[in-house]
C-alpha atoms as a PDB file:
ATOM      1  CA  MET A   1       0.000   0.000   0.000  1.00  0.00           C
ATOM      2  CA  LEU A   2       2.832   2.404   0.841  1.00  0.00           C
ATOM      3  CA  ILE A   3       4.501   1.777  -2.510  1.00  0.00           C
ATOM      4  CA  ILE A   4       1.298   2.599  -4.397  1.00  0.00           C
ATOM      5  CA  THR A   5       0.839   5.819  -2.425  1.00  0.00           C
ATOM      6  CA  ALA A   6       4.433   6.898  -3.097  1.00  0.00           C
ATOM      7  CA  PHE A   7       3.988   6.142  -6.805  1.00  0.00           C
ATOM      8  CA  ILE A   8       0.776   8.192  -7.001  1.00  0.00           C
ATOM      9  CA  CYS A   9       2.412  11.138  -5.210  1.00  0.00           C
ATOM     10  CA  ALA A  10       5.450  10.988  -7.483  1.00  0.00           C
ATOM     11  CA  CYS A  11       3.308  10.842 -10.616  1.00  0.00           C
ATOM     12  CA  SER A  12       1.230  13.843  -9.554  1.00  0.00           C
ATOM     13  CA  SER A  13       4.320  16.047  -9.786  1.00  0.00           C
ATOM     14  CA  PHE A  14       4.540  15.204 -13.508  1.00  0.00           C
ATOM     15  CA  LYS A  15       1.133  16.710 -14.342  1.00  0.00           C
ATOM     16  CA  HIS A  16       0.927  20.272 -15.568  1.00  0.00           C
ATOM     17  CA  PRO A  17      -0.116  22.750 -12.892  1.00  0.00           C
ATOM     18  CA  ASP A  18      -3.742  23.837 -13.032  1.00  0.00           C
ATOM     19  CA  MET A  19      -4.054  26.792 -15.420  1.00  0.00           C
ATOM     20  CA  ASP A  20      -6.663  28.762 -13.426  1.00  0.00           C
ATOM     21  CA  LYS A  21      -4.770  28.301 -10.157  1.00  0.00           C
ATOM     22  CA  SER A  22      -1.528  29.342 -11.860  1.00  0.00           C
ATOM     23  CA  LYS A  23      -3.186  32.523 -13.133  1.00  0.00           C
ATOM     24  CA  ALA A  24      -4.596  33.271  -9.674  1.00  0.00           C
ATOM     25  CA  LEU A  25      -1.130  32.827  -8.129  1.00  0.00           C
ATOM     26  CA  VAL A  26       0.514  35.154 -10.647  1.00  0.00           C
ATOM     27  CA  GLU A  27      -2.215  37.795 -10.375  1.00  0.00           C
ATOM     28  CA  THR A  28      -1.884  37.787  -6.581  1.00  0.00           C
ATOM     29  CA  LEU A  29       1.893  38.150  -6.935  1.00  0.00           C
ATOM     30  CA  ILE A  30       1.476  41.094  -9.324  1.00  0.00           C
ATOM     31  CA  GLN A  31      -0.854  42.770  -6.803  1.00  0.00           C
ATOM     32  CA  LYS A  32       1.618  42.215  -3.923  1.00  0.00           C
ATOM     33  CA  GLU A  33       4.505  43.641  -5.922  1.00  0.00           C
ATOM     34  CA  ASN A  34       2.544  46.688  -6.957  1.00  0.00           C
ATOM     35  CA  SER A  35       1.261  47.333  -3.434  1.00  0.00           C
ATOM     36  CA  GLY A  36       4.843  47.629  -2.188  1.00  0.00           C
ATOM     37  CA  ASP A  37       4.522  44.525   0.018  1.00  0.00           C
ATOM     38  CA  TYR A  38       7.807  43.074  -1.256  1.00  0.00           C
ATOM     39  CA  ALA A  39       8.505  40.984   1.855  1.00  0.00           C
ATOM     40  CA  ALA A  40       5.341  38.971   1.176  1.00  0.00           C
ATOM     41  CA  THR A  41       6.351  38.127  -2.398  1.00  0.00           C
ATOM     42  CA  GLY A  42       8.815  35.428  -1.364  1.00  0.00           C
ATOM     43  CA  GLN A  43       6.019  32.974  -0.598  1.00  0.00           C
ATOM     44  CA  TYR A  44       5.008  32.972  -4.275  1.00  0.00           C
ATOM     45  CA  TYR A  45       8.460  32.085  -5.643  1.00  0.00           C
ATOM     46  CA  THR A  46      10.323  28.754  -5.593  1.00  0.00           C
ATOM     47  CA  ASP A  47      13.005  28.133  -2.991  1.00  0.00           C
ATOM     48  CA  ASP A  48      15.702  28.326  -5.688  1.00  0.00           C
ATOM     49  CA  PHE A  49      14.368  31.678  -6.911  1.00  0.00           C
ATOM     50  CA  ASN A  50      14.407  33.057  -3.367  1.00  0.00           C
ATOM     51  CA  LYS A  51      17.922  31.726  -2.705  1.00  0.00           C
ATOM     52  CA  GLY A  52      19.201  33.321  -5.909  1.00  0.00           C
ATOM     53  CA  GLU A  53      18.593  36.876  -4.744  1.00  0.00           C
ATOM     54  CA  PRO A  54      18.369  38.328  -1.229  1.00  0.00           C
ATOM     55  CA  LEU A  55      15.088  40.034  -0.349  1.00  0.00           C
ATOM     56  CA  ASP A  56      16.726  43.449   0.099  1.00  0.00           C
ATOM     57  CA  VAL A  57      18.185  43.305  -3.431  1.00  0.00           C
ATOM     58  CA  ARG A  58      14.828  42.222  -4.896  1.00  0.00           C
ATOM     59  CA  THR A  59      13.071  44.982  -2.917  1.00  0.00           C
ATOM     60  CA  THR A  60      15.425  47.607  -4.348  1.00  0.00           C
ATOM     61  CA  LYS A  61      14.759  46.345  -7.892  1.00  0.00           C
ATOM     62  CA  PHE A  62      10.990  46.414  -7.407  1.00  0.00           C
ATOM     63  CA  GLN A  63      11.177  49.934  -5.967  1.00  0.00           C
ATOM     64  CA  GLN A  64      13.226  51.100  -8.967  1.00  0.00           C
ATOM     65  CA  LEU A  65      10.713  49.464 -11.324  1.00  0.00           C
ATOM     66  CA  HIS A  66       7.848  51.173  -9.515  1.00  0.00           C
ATOM     67  CA  ASP A  67       9.598  54.539  -9.812  1.00  0.00           C
ATOM     68  CA  ALA A  68      10.108  54.026 -13.560  1.00  0.00           C
ATOM     69  CA  LEU A  69       6.724  52.462 -14.404  1.00  0.00           C
ATOM     70  CA  GLY A  70       4.434  54.296 -12.015  1.00  0.00           C
ATOM     71  CA  ASP A  71       1.484  52.987 -10.058  1.00  0.00           C
ATOM     72  CA  TYR A  72      -0.302  49.802 -11.071  1.00  0.00           C
ATOM     73  CA  VAL A  73      -3.480  50.269 -13.137  1.00  0.00           C
ATOM     74  CA  SER A  74      -4.428  46.809 -14.487  1.00  0.00           C
ATOM     75  CA  ALA A  75      -3.112  43.464 -15.705  1.00  0.00           C
ATOM     76  CA  GLU A  76      -4.284  41.334 -18.615  1.00  0.00           C
ATOM     77  CA  CYS A  77      -3.200  37.778 -19.367  1.00  0.00           C
ATOM     78  CA  ILE A  78      -2.230  37.754 -23.051  1.00  0.00           C
ATOM     79  CA  LYS A  79      -0.755  34.246 -23.275  1.00  0.00           C
ATOM     80  CA  ALA A  80      -1.249  31.064 -21.272  1.00  0.00           C
ATOM     81  CA  ALA A  81       0.123  27.660 -22.217  1.00  0.00           C
ATOM     82  CA  ASP A  82       1.141  24.352 -20.725  1.00  0.00           C
ATOM     83  CA  SER A  83       4.890  24.060 -21.098  1.00  0.00           C
ATOM     84  CA  ASN A  84       8.009  22.474 -19.623  1.00  0.00           C
ATOM     85  CA  ASP A  85      10.647  24.302 -17.617  1.00  0.00           C
ATOM     86  CA  LEU A  86      14.401  24.113 -18.243  1.00  0.00           C
ATOM     87  CA  ASN A  87      14.534  20.849 -16.255  1.00  0.00           C
ATOM     88  CA  ASP A  88      11.768  19.425 -18.489  1.00  0.00           C
ATOM     89  CA  PHE A  89       9.215  19.433 -15.653  1.00  0.00           C
ATOM     90  CA  PRO A  90       5.592  20.304 -16.479  1.00  0.00           C
ATOM     91  CA  SER A  91       4.856  23.984 -16.014  1.00  0.00           C
ATOM     92  CA  VAL A  92       2.496  26.759 -17.028  1.00  0.00           C
ATOM     93  CA  TYR A  93       3.839  29.682 -19.050  1.00  0.00           C
ATOM     94  CA  LEU A  94       1.984  32.982 -18.594  1.00  0.00           C
ATOM     95  CA  GLU A  95       2.446  36.432 -20.123  1.00  0.00           C
ATOM     96  CA  TYR A  96       0.761  39.518 -18.725  1.00  0.00           C
ATOM     97  CA  LYS A  97       0.478  43.017 -20.099  1.00  0.00           C
ATOM     98  CA  VAL A  98       0.568  45.229 -17.018  1.00  0.00           C
ATOM     99  CA  LYS A  99      -0.561  48.834 -17.293  1.00  0.00           C
ATOM    100  CA  HIS A 100       1.002  51.449 -15.037  1.00  0.00           C
ATOM    101  CA  THR A 101       0.534  55.206 -14.809  1.00  0.00           C
ATOM    102  CA  LYS A 102       3.832  56.027 -16.574  1.00  0.00           C
ATOM    103  CA  LEU A 103       4.786  53.026 -18.742  1.00  0.00           C
ATOM    104  CA  ASN A 104       3.445  49.555 -19.425  1.00  0.00           C
ATOM    105  CA  SER A 105       5.315  46.315 -18.779  1.00  0.00           C
ATOM    106  CA  LEU A 106       5.260  42.829 -20.219  1.00  0.00           C
ATOM    107  CA  GLU A 107       5.726  40.210 -17.498  1.00  0.00           C
ATOM    108  CA  LYS A 108       6.496  36.551 -18.209  1.00  0.00           C
ATOM    109  CA  PHE A 109       6.089  33.792 -15.625  1.00  0.00           C
ATOM    110  CA  MET A 110       6.845  30.087 -15.398  1.00  0.00           C
ATOM    111  CA  VAL A 111       4.753  28.327 -12.722  1.00  0.00           C
ATOM    112  CA  ILE A 112       5.657  24.862 -11.412  1.00  0.00           C
ATOM    113  CA  ARG A 113       4.726  22.560  -8.564  1.00  0.00           C
ATOM    114  CA  GLU A 114       7.152  22.619  -5.666  1.00  0.00           C
ATOM    115  CA  GLU A 115       6.418  20.242  -2.822  1.00  0.00           C
ATOM    116  CA  GLY A 116       2.774  20.122  -3.882  1.00  0.00           C
ATOM    117  CA  ASN A 117       2.316  23.909  -4.067  1.00  0.00           C
ATOM    118  CA  LEU A 118       2.277  26.163  -7.098  1.00  0.00           C
ATOM    119  CA  LYS A 119       5.265  28.514  -7.216  1.00  0.00           C
ATOM    120  CA  VAL A 120       6.739  30.967  -9.698  1.00  0.00           C
ATOM    121  CA  GLU A 121      10.044  29.592 -10.962  1.00  0.00           C
ATOM    122  CA  GLN A 122      10.838  32.364 -13.444  1.00  0.00           C
ATOM    123  CA  HIS A 123       9.683  35.979 -13.614  1.00  0.00           C
ATOM    124  CA  ASN A 124      10.843  38.414 -16.266  1.00  0.00           C
ATOM    125  CA  ILE A 125       9.718  42.046 -16.439  1.00  0.00           C
ATOM    126  CA  MET A 126      10.278  44.164 -19.552  1.00  0.00           C
ATOM    127  CA  GLN A 127       9.076  47.588 -20.584  1.00  0.00           C
ATOM    128  CA  GLU A 128       6.515  47.240 -23.325  1.00  0.00           C
END
C-alpha cells in the first residue's frame, strides 16, 4: 500500500499545474509587488528563486521598477500555455500586459509545482 501511495504522489508532480490556479497565483503576486509589500512576495516564488537573490536586493529592484513604471493600473493575461521548464518538468507559461501610470510592462512567468504547491520559478519584467 505504501509503494502505491508513493507512486501516485510521485506521478502527480509530472502533471501540468492547473491553469486557473496558476493565473490566480501570478495575479496575486502582481498585486503584492505593486502594493509595495515586497517581503510577502517570497512565498510565491520557488526556494531556488528566493535563494538566488536576497530580499533586500529584490526589494530595491521592485522599488526602482515602480519609480520608472508608475502605479499599477491593471493586468491582462495575453498568453497562457502548458509548457516544460528548463529541467523538463511540467509547467504553465503565462504572459501579462501590465498597465502602469507612466509606462506599461510585459511580465512573463513560469509556474511549477514545488512540494505540492504552485510557485513561480521564473519571472521576467520588460518595458513594453
